[in-house]
Amino acid sequence: MLVEVMVTLKPDVLDAQGRQVKNALRTLGFNEVNDCRVGKVILLDMDTDDWEKARVRAARMAERLLANTVIEDFIVRRHEK
């Protein structure tokens, strides 16, 4: 089963990279972009067909390694191919 963990900065944490991307997009003429937040997506190919088990394990991985939970949030979801 392919599981996706999306990690983003918490809303109150300044996203300097997101700000730079927003400014670059506006420079390229994409003026409709009001804000941009940059994160990361981690795809885990897990050896299980049990979604609940995979979700719980992936969340534990995110809490322990994949995300810095002091400044980052994460979402675990089933990856649609």
N, C-alpha and C. Protein backbone atom coordinates (compact mmCIF):
# COMPACT_ATOMS: atom_id res chain seq x y z
N MET A 1 0.84 -1.17 0.00
CA MET A 1 0.00 0.00 0.00
C MET A 1 0.89 1.24 0.00
N LEU A 2 0.54 2.20 -0.82
CA LEU A 2 1.30 3.45 -0.90
C LEU A 2 0.61 4.48 -0.01
N VAL A 3 1.37 4.99 0.95
CA VAL A 3 0.87 5.96 1.92
C VAL A 3 1.64 7.26 1.75
N GLU A 4 0.91 8.37 1.79
CA GLU A 4 1.51 9.69 1.61
C GLU A 4 1.50 10.43 2.94
N VAL A 5 2.65 10.98 3.30
CA VAL A 5 2.75 11.84 4.48
C VAL A 5 3.11 13.23 3.98
N MET A 6 2.22 14.20 4.19
CA MET A 6 2.47 15.57 3.76
C MET A 6 2.84 16.38 5.00
N VAL A 7 4.02 16.99 4.96
CA VAL A 7 4.54 17.76 6.09
C VAL A 7 4.59 19.23 5.68
N THR A 8 4.01 20.08 6.52
CA THR A 8 4.02 21.52 6.26
C THR A 8 4.34 22.26 7.55
N LEU A 9 4.85 23.47 7.40
CA LEU A 9 5.09 24.30 8.58
C LEU A 9 3.76 24.67 9.21
N LYS A 10 3.75 24.78 10.53
CA LYS A 10 2.55 25.22 11.22
C LYS A 10 2.20 26.64 10.76
N PRO A 11 0.92 26.99 10.78
CA PRO A 11 0.49 28.29 10.25
C PRO A 11 1.20 29.50 10.86
N ASP A 12 1.58 29.41 12.13
CA ASP A 12 2.21 30.56 12.78
C ASP A 12 3.73 30.62 12.59
N VAL A 13 4.30 29.66 11.85
CA VAL A 13 5.74 29.64 11.58
C VAL A 13 6.01 30.31 10.23
N LEU A 14 6.93 31.26 10.23
CA LEU A 14 7.28 31.97 9.00
C LEU A 14 7.85 30.99 7.97
N ASP A 15 7.31 31.04 6.77
CA ASP A 15 7.77 30.17 5.68
C ASP A 15 8.55 31.02 4.68
N ALA A 16 9.85 31.18 4.93
CA ALA A 16 10.69 32.01 4.07
C ALA A 16 10.76 31.46 2.65
N GLN A 17 10.83 30.16 2.50
CA GLN A 17 10.88 29.55 1.18
C GLN A 17 9.56 29.79 0.44
N GLY A 18 8.46 29.65 1.13
CA GLY A 18 7.16 29.93 0.53
C GLY A 18 7.06 31.38 0.06
N ARG A 19 7.58 32.29 0.86
CA ARG A 19 7.56 33.71 0.49
C ARG A 19 8.38 33.95 -0.78
N GLN A 20 9.54 33.29 -0.88
CA GLN A 20 10.38 33.44 -2.07
C GLN A 20 9.69 32.88 -3.31
N VAL A 21 9.02 31.74 -3.16
CA VAL A 21 8.30 31.15 -4.29
C VAL A 21 7.18 32.08 -4.72
N LYS A 22 6.44 32.63 -3.76
CA LYS A 22 5.35 33.57 -4.08
C LYS A 22 5.90 34.78 -4.85
N ASN A 23 7.00 35.33 -4.38
CA ASN A 23 7.58 36.49 -5.06
C ASN A 23 8.05 36.14 -6.47
N ALA A 24 8.65 34.97 -6.63
CA ALA A 24 9.11 34.55 -7.96
C ALA A 24 7.92 34.34 -8.90
N LEU A 25 6.85 33.74 -8.39
CA LEU A 25 5.65 33.55 -9.22
C LEU A 25 5.07 34.89 -9.65
N ARG A 26 5.02 35.85 -8.75
CA ARG A 26 4.51 37.18 -9.09
C ARG A 26 5.42 37.85 -10.13
N THR A 27 6.73 37.65 -10.00
CA THR A 27 7.67 38.20 -10.98
C THR A 27 7.40 37.62 -12.37
N LEU A 28 6.97 36.37 -12.40
CA LEU A 28 6.65 35.71 -13.67
C LEU A 28 5.25 36.03 -14.19
N GLY A 29 4.54 36.89 -13.47
CA GLY A 29 3.23 37.33 -13.92
C GLY A 29 2.05 36.60 -13.30
N PHE A 30 2.30 35.74 -12.34
CA PHE A 30 1.21 35.02 -11.66
C PHE A 30 0.77 35.82 -10.44
N ASN A 31 0.16 36.97 -10.70
CA ASN A 31 -0.18 37.92 -9.64
C ASN A 31 -1.36 37.48 -8.78
N GLU A 32 -2.06 36.43 -9.18
CA GLU A 32 -3.19 35.96 -8.39
C GLU A 32 -2.76 35.18 -7.15
N VAL A 33 -1.47 34.88 -7.01
CA VAL A 33 -0.97 34.14 -5.85
C VAL A 33 -0.83 35.11 -4.67
N ASN A 34 -1.67 34.91 -3.65
CA ASN A 34 -1.63 35.76 -2.46
C ASN A 34 -0.66 35.25 -1.40
N ASP A 35 -0.50 33.94 -1.34
CA ASP A 35 0.39 33.34 -0.35
C ASP A 35 0.85 31.99 -0.87
N CYS A 36 1.96 31.51 -0.35
CA CYS A 36 2.50 30.22 -0.76
C CYS A 36 3.18 29.60 0.45
N ARG A 37 2.88 28.35 0.71
CA ARG A 37 3.53 27.60 1.77
C ARG A 37 4.20 26.39 1.12
N VAL A 38 5.44 26.14 1.47
CA VAL A 38 6.19 25.03 0.89
C VAL A 38 6.32 23.94 1.94
N GLY A 39 6.11 22.71 1.52
CA GLY A 39 6.24 21.57 2.42
C GLY A 39 6.94 20.43 1.72
N LYS A 40 6.73 19.25 2.23
CA LYS A 40 7.34 18.07 1.61
C LYS A 40 6.34 16.92 1.65
N VAL A 41 6.46 16.05 0.67
CA VAL A 41 5.62 14.86 0.60
C VAL A 41 6.54 13.65 0.64
N ILE A 42 6.23 12.73 1.53
CA ILE A 42 6.98 11.49 1.65
C ILE A 42 6.04 10.35 1.28
N LEU A 43 6.43 9.54 0.30
CA LEU A 43 5.63 8.38 -0.10
C LEU A 43 6.24 7.13 0.52
N LEU A 44 5.42 6.40 1.22
CA LEU A 44 5.86 5.17 1.88
C LEU A 44 5.16 3.98 1.23
N ASP A 45 5.93 3.06 0.68
CA ASP A 45 5.38 1.83 0.13
C ASP A 45 5.41 0.82 1.28
N MET A 46 4.23 0.57 1.86
CA MET A 46 4.15 -0.24 3.06
C MET A 46 3.61 -1.63 2.75
N ASP A 47 4.15 -2.60 3.47
CA ASP A 47 3.79 -4.01 3.27
C ASP A 47 2.57 -4.37 4.10
N THR A 48 1.41 -3.81 3.70
CA THR A 48 0.14 -4.13 4.35
C THR A 48 -1.00 -3.72 3.44
N ASP A 49 -2.12 -4.37 3.60
CA ASP A 49 -3.34 -3.99 2.90
C ASP A 49 -4.35 -3.38 3.86
N ASP A 50 -3.98 -3.27 5.12
CA ASP A 50 -4.84 -2.74 6.17
C ASP A 50 -4.60 -1.23 6.29
N TRP A 51 -5.55 -0.43 5.78
CA TRP A 51 -5.37 1.02 5.76
C TRP A 51 -5.21 1.59 7.17
N GLU A 52 -6.00 1.15 8.12
CA GLU A 52 -5.92 1.70 9.48
C GLU A 52 -4.56 1.43 10.09
N LYS A 53 -4.05 0.23 9.91
CA LYS A 53 -2.72 -0.11 10.43
C LYS A 53 -1.65 0.74 9.76
N ALA A 54 -1.74 0.89 8.45
CA ALA A 54 -0.77 1.71 7.71
C ALA A 54 -0.83 3.16 8.15
N ARG A 55 -2.04 3.69 8.35
CA ARG A 55 -2.21 5.08 8.77
C ARG A 55 -1.58 5.33 10.14
N VAL A 56 -1.84 4.42 11.06
CA VAL A 56 -1.29 4.56 12.41
C VAL A 56 0.24 4.48 12.39
N ARG A 57 0.77 3.53 11.65
CA ARG A 57 2.24 3.37 11.58
C ARG A 57 2.90 4.58 10.93
N ALA A 58 2.29 5.07 9.83
CA ALA A 58 2.85 6.24 9.14
C ALA A 58 2.80 7.47 10.03
N ALA A 59 1.73 7.63 10.79
CA ALA A 59 1.65 8.76 11.72
C ALA A 59 2.73 8.66 12.79
N ARG A 60 2.99 7.47 13.25
CA ARG A 60 4.05 7.28 14.25
C ARG A 60 5.42 7.61 13.65
N MET A 61 5.63 7.20 12.39
CA MET A 61 6.89 7.54 11.70
C MET A 61 7.04 9.06 11.58
N ALA A 62 5.94 9.73 11.25
CA ALA A 62 5.98 11.18 11.11
C ALA A 62 6.30 11.85 12.45
N GLU A 63 5.68 11.38 13.51
CA GLU A 63 5.92 11.95 14.83
C GLU A 63 7.35 11.74 15.30
N ARG A 64 7.93 10.61 14.94
CA ARG A 64 9.27 10.28 15.44
C ARG A 64 10.41 10.73 14.54
N LEU A 65 10.16 10.88 13.22
CA LEU A 65 11.27 11.17 12.32
C LEU A 65 10.93 12.13 11.19
N LEU A 66 9.82 11.93 10.53
CA LEU A 66 9.55 12.64 9.28
C LEU A 66 9.19 14.10 9.46
N ALA A 67 8.63 14.46 10.60
CA ALA A 67 8.23 15.84 10.85
C ALA A 67 8.84 16.32 12.16
N ASN A 68 9.17 17.60 12.19
CA ASN A 68 9.57 18.24 13.44
C ASN A 68 8.29 18.82 14.03
N THR A 69 7.66 18.08 14.93
CA THR A 69 6.33 18.45 15.40
C THR A 69 6.28 19.73 16.22
N VAL A 70 7.43 20.29 16.55
CA VAL A 70 7.46 21.59 17.22
C VAL A 70 7.03 22.68 16.24
N ILE A 71 7.48 22.57 14.99
CA ILE A 71 7.19 23.62 14.00
C ILE A 71 6.41 23.13 12.78
N GLU A 72 6.19 21.81 12.69
CA GLU A 72 5.54 21.26 11.50
C GLU A 72 4.30 20.44 11.87
N ASP A 73 3.33 20.48 10.97
CA ASP A 73 2.16 19.61 11.02
C ASP A 73 2.32 18.55 9.94
N PHE A 74 1.55 17.47 10.06
CA PHE A 74 1.57 16.46 9.01
C PHE A 74 0.19 15.87 8.82
N ILE A 75 -0.03 15.37 7.62
CA ILE A 75 -1.27 14.69 7.26
C ILE A 75 -0.88 13.36 6.63
N VAL A 76 -1.55 12.30 7.04
CA VAL A 76 -1.32 10.97 6.46
C VAL A 76 -2.56 10.62 5.64
N ARG A 77 -2.33 10.22 4.40
CA ARG A 77 -3.46 9.80 3.56
C ARG A 77 -3.02 8.70 2.60
N ARG A 78 -4.01 7.98 2.15
CA ARG A 78 -3.76 6.93 1.17
C ARG A 78 -3.39 7.59 -0.14
N HIS A 79 -2.31 7.14 -0.74
CA HIS A 79 -1.87 7.72 -2.00
C HIS A 79 -2.63 7.05 -3.15
N GLU A 80 -3.28 7.89 -3.93
CA GLU A 80 -4.02 7.39 -5.09
C GLU A 80 -3.10 7.38 -6.29
N LYS A 81 -2.99 6.26 -6.93
CA LYS A 81 -2.09 6.13 -8.08
C LYS A 81 -2.74 6.70 -9.31
